[in-house]
């Protein structure tokens, strides 16, 4: 499954909420956005990129999926 968004706080936070809301679908799900308002990088750093200059992506996998 691919979820495409224009703007989101964080693709990673969106994925966490999606899973918490009862996701039980595809083996692999990708969340992509053109712009993040609160993106997160490594070691707690913020991830900032002007709108339309990068593709922000988070992927998550179903436990035991093929």
N, C-alpha and C. Protein backbone atom coordinates (compact mmCIF):
# COMPACT_ATOMS: atom_id res chain seq x y z
N UNK A 1 0.85 -1.17 0.00
CA UNK A 1 0.00 0.00 0.00
C UNK A 1 0.90 1.23 0.00
N UNK A 2 0.52 2.23 -0.78
CA UNK A 2 1.23 3.50 -0.81
C UNK A 2 0.25 4.60 -0.42
N UNK A 3 0.63 5.38 0.58
CA UNK A 3 -0.17 6.51 1.03
C UNK A 3 0.58 7.77 0.64
N UNK A 4 -0.01 8.57 -0.24
CA UNK A 4 0.65 9.79 -0.72
C UNK A 4 -0.05 11.01 -0.12
N UNK A 5 0.75 11.88 0.46
CA UNK A 5 0.22 13.08 1.10
C UNK A 5 0.96 14.31 0.58
N UNK A 6 0.27 15.42 0.50
CA UNK A 6 0.93 16.67 0.12
C UNK A 6 1.74 17.22 1.30
N UNK A 7 1.09 17.25 2.48
CA UNK A 7 1.75 17.81 3.66
C UNK A 7 1.34 17.02 4.90
N UNK A 8 2.29 16.80 5.79
CA UNK A 8 2.04 16.05 7.02
C UNK A 8 3.03 16.53 8.07
N UNK A 9 2.72 16.29 9.33
CA UNK A 9 3.67 16.65 10.38
C UNK A 9 4.95 15.84 10.19
N UNK A 10 4.83 14.52 10.13
CA UNK A 10 5.98 13.63 9.97
C UNK A 10 5.47 12.32 9.39
N UNK A 11 6.10 11.82 8.34
CA UNK A 11 5.67 10.55 7.78
C UNK A 11 5.82 9.43 8.81
N UNK A 12 6.84 9.52 9.64
CA UNK A 12 7.05 8.50 10.66
C UNK A 12 5.96 8.56 11.73
N UNK A 13 5.59 9.74 12.17
CA UNK A 13 4.51 9.88 13.15
C UNK A 13 3.18 9.43 12.56
N UNK A 14 2.95 9.75 11.29
CA UNK A 14 1.73 9.31 10.60
C UNK A 14 1.67 7.78 10.59
N UNK A 15 2.80 7.14 10.27
CA UNK A 15 2.85 5.67 10.24
C UNK A 15 2.54 5.09 11.62
N UNK A 16 3.09 5.69 12.67
CA UNK A 16 2.82 5.22 14.04
C UNK A 16 1.33 5.33 14.37
N UNK A 17 0.70 6.44 13.98
CA UNK A 17 -0.74 6.59 14.23
C UNK A 17 -1.55 5.60 13.42
N UNK A 18 -1.15 5.38 12.18
CA UNK A 18 -1.84 4.45 11.29
C UNK A 18 -1.82 3.04 11.88
N UNK A 19 -0.68 2.62 12.39
CA UNK A 19 -0.55 1.30 13.02
C UNK A 19 -1.38 1.24 14.30
N UNK A 20 -1.33 2.27 15.11
CA UNK A 20 -2.08 2.31 16.37
C UNK A 20 -3.58 2.27 16.14
N UNK A 21 -4.03 2.78 14.99
CA UNK A 21 -5.47 2.78 14.67
C UNK A 21 -5.97 1.43 14.17
N UNK A 22 -5.09 0.40 14.19
CA UNK A 22 -5.54 -0.94 13.84
C UNK A 22 -5.13 -1.44 12.47
N UNK A 23 -4.09 -0.88 11.90
CA UNK A 23 -3.62 -1.36 10.59
C UNK A 23 -3.36 -2.85 10.65
N UNK A 24 -3.89 -3.57 9.68
CA UNK A 24 -3.64 -5.00 9.59
C UNK A 24 -3.57 -5.44 8.13
N UNK A 25 -3.23 -4.50 7.30
CA UNK A 25 -3.31 -4.73 5.86
C UNK A 25 -2.07 -5.27 5.20
N UNK A 26 -1.59 -4.54 4.24
CA UNK A 26 -0.51 -4.98 3.36
C UNK A 26 0.75 -5.38 4.12
N UNK A 27 1.55 -6.25 3.49
CA UNK A 27 2.82 -6.64 4.07
C UNK A 27 3.76 -5.44 4.22
N UNK A 28 3.76 -4.57 3.22
CA UNK A 28 4.60 -3.38 3.23
C UNK A 28 3.72 -2.17 2.95
N UNK A 29 3.87 -1.13 3.77
CA UNK A 29 3.14 0.12 3.55
C UNK A 29 4.14 1.26 3.51
N UNK A 30 3.96 2.16 2.56
CA UNK A 30 4.83 3.32 2.38
C UNK A 30 3.99 4.57 2.56
N UNK A 31 4.50 5.50 3.36
CA UNK A 31 3.87 6.81 3.53
C UNK A 31 4.82 7.82 2.92
N UNK A 32 4.34 8.59 1.95
CA UNK A 32 5.19 9.61 1.33
C UNK A 32 4.50 10.96 1.39
N UNK A 33 5.30 12.00 1.45
CA UNK A 33 4.76 13.36 1.51
C UNK A 33 5.68 14.31 0.75
N UNK A 34 5.10 15.32 0.18
CA UNK A 34 5.88 16.36 -0.50
C UNK A 34 6.55 17.29 0.51
N UNK A 35 5.92 17.41 1.70
CA UNK A 35 6.43 18.35 2.71
C UNK A 35 6.05 17.87 4.10
N UNK A 36 6.99 18.00 5.03
CA UNK A 36 6.73 17.68 6.43
C UNK A 36 6.89 18.95 7.26
N UNK A 37 5.97 19.17 8.16
CA UNK A 37 6.05 20.35 9.02
C UNK A 37 6.84 20.08 10.29
N UNK A 38 7.03 18.80 10.64
CA UNK A 38 7.77 18.44 11.85
C UNK A 38 8.56 17.16 11.61
N UNK A 39 9.32 17.13 10.51
CA UNK A 39 10.11 15.96 10.16
C UNK A 39 11.18 15.69 11.21
N UNK A 40 11.54 14.43 11.31
CA UNK A 40 12.53 14.03 12.31
C UNK A 40 13.70 13.32 11.64
N UNK A 41 14.90 13.72 12.01
CA UNK A 41 16.10 13.07 11.51
C UNK A 41 16.69 12.16 12.57
N UNK A 42 17.90 11.77 12.37
CA UNK A 42 18.59 10.90 13.31
C UNK A 42 18.93 11.65 14.59
N UNK A 43 18.98 10.89 15.68
CA UNK A 43 19.39 11.41 16.98
C UNK A 43 18.54 12.60 17.44
N UNK A 44 17.26 12.57 17.11
CA UNK A 44 16.34 13.60 17.56
C UNK A 44 16.43 14.93 16.84
N UNK A 45 17.21 14.99 15.79
CA UNK A 45 17.33 16.24 15.04
C UNK A 45 16.10 16.47 14.17
N UNK A 46 15.79 17.72 13.90
CA UNK A 46 14.67 18.01 13.00
C UNK A 46 15.14 17.83 11.56
N UNK A 47 14.19 17.50 10.71
CA UNK A 47 14.47 17.28 9.29
C UNK A 47 13.69 18.34 8.53
N UNK A 48 14.40 19.30 7.96
CA UNK A 48 13.76 20.43 7.29
C UNK A 48 14.15 20.43 5.82
N UNK A 49 13.15 20.58 4.96
CA UNK A 49 13.38 20.65 3.53
C UNK A 49 12.26 21.51 2.94
N UNK A 50 12.58 22.49 2.11
CA UNK A 50 11.54 23.33 1.52
C UNK A 50 10.54 22.49 0.72
N UNK A 51 9.26 22.89 0.72
CA UNK A 51 8.24 22.15 -0.02
C UNK A 51 8.64 21.92 -1.48
N UNK A 52 8.41 20.70 -1.94
CA UNK A 52 8.65 20.37 -3.34
C UNK A 52 10.10 20.07 -3.69
N UNK A 53 11.02 20.06 -2.72
CA UNK A 53 12.42 19.81 -3.04
C UNK A 53 12.89 18.40 -2.70
N UNK A 54 12.11 17.68 -1.91
CA UNK A 54 12.50 16.33 -1.48
C UNK A 54 11.26 15.44 -1.40
N UNK A 55 11.51 14.17 -1.38
CA UNK A 55 10.44 13.21 -1.16
C UNK A 55 10.65 12.60 0.21
N UNK A 56 9.71 12.81 1.09
CA UNK A 56 9.78 12.29 2.45
C UNK A 56 9.05 10.95 2.49
N UNK A 57 9.70 9.91 3.01
CA UNK A 57 9.13 8.57 2.97
C UNK A 57 9.40 7.82 4.27
N UNK A 58 8.39 7.11 4.74
CA UNK A 58 8.54 6.14 5.83
C UNK A 58 7.91 4.84 5.35
N UNK A 59 8.54 3.72 5.68
CA UNK A 59 8.03 2.41 5.31
C UNK A 59 7.86 1.57 6.57
N UNK A 60 6.81 0.76 6.58
CA UNK A 60 6.68 -0.19 7.68
C UNK A 60 6.19 -1.52 7.13
N UNK A 61 6.57 -2.56 7.86
CA UNK A 61 6.38 -3.92 7.40
C UNK A 61 5.51 -4.70 8.37
N UNK A 62 4.67 -5.55 7.85
CA UNK A 62 3.82 -6.41 8.66
C UNK A 62 4.68 -7.49 9.29
N UNK A 63 4.61 -7.66 10.61
CA UNK A 63 5.40 -8.72 11.26
C UNK A 63 5.05 -10.08 10.64
N UNK A 64 6.08 -10.82 10.29
CA UNK A 64 5.88 -12.13 9.69
C UNK A 64 5.46 -12.09 8.24
N UNK A 65 5.44 -10.89 7.63
CA UNK A 65 5.04 -10.78 6.23
C UNK A 65 6.07 -11.40 5.31
N UNK A 66 5.65 -11.66 4.10
CA UNK A 66 6.56 -12.29 3.13
C UNK A 66 7.34 -11.25 2.35
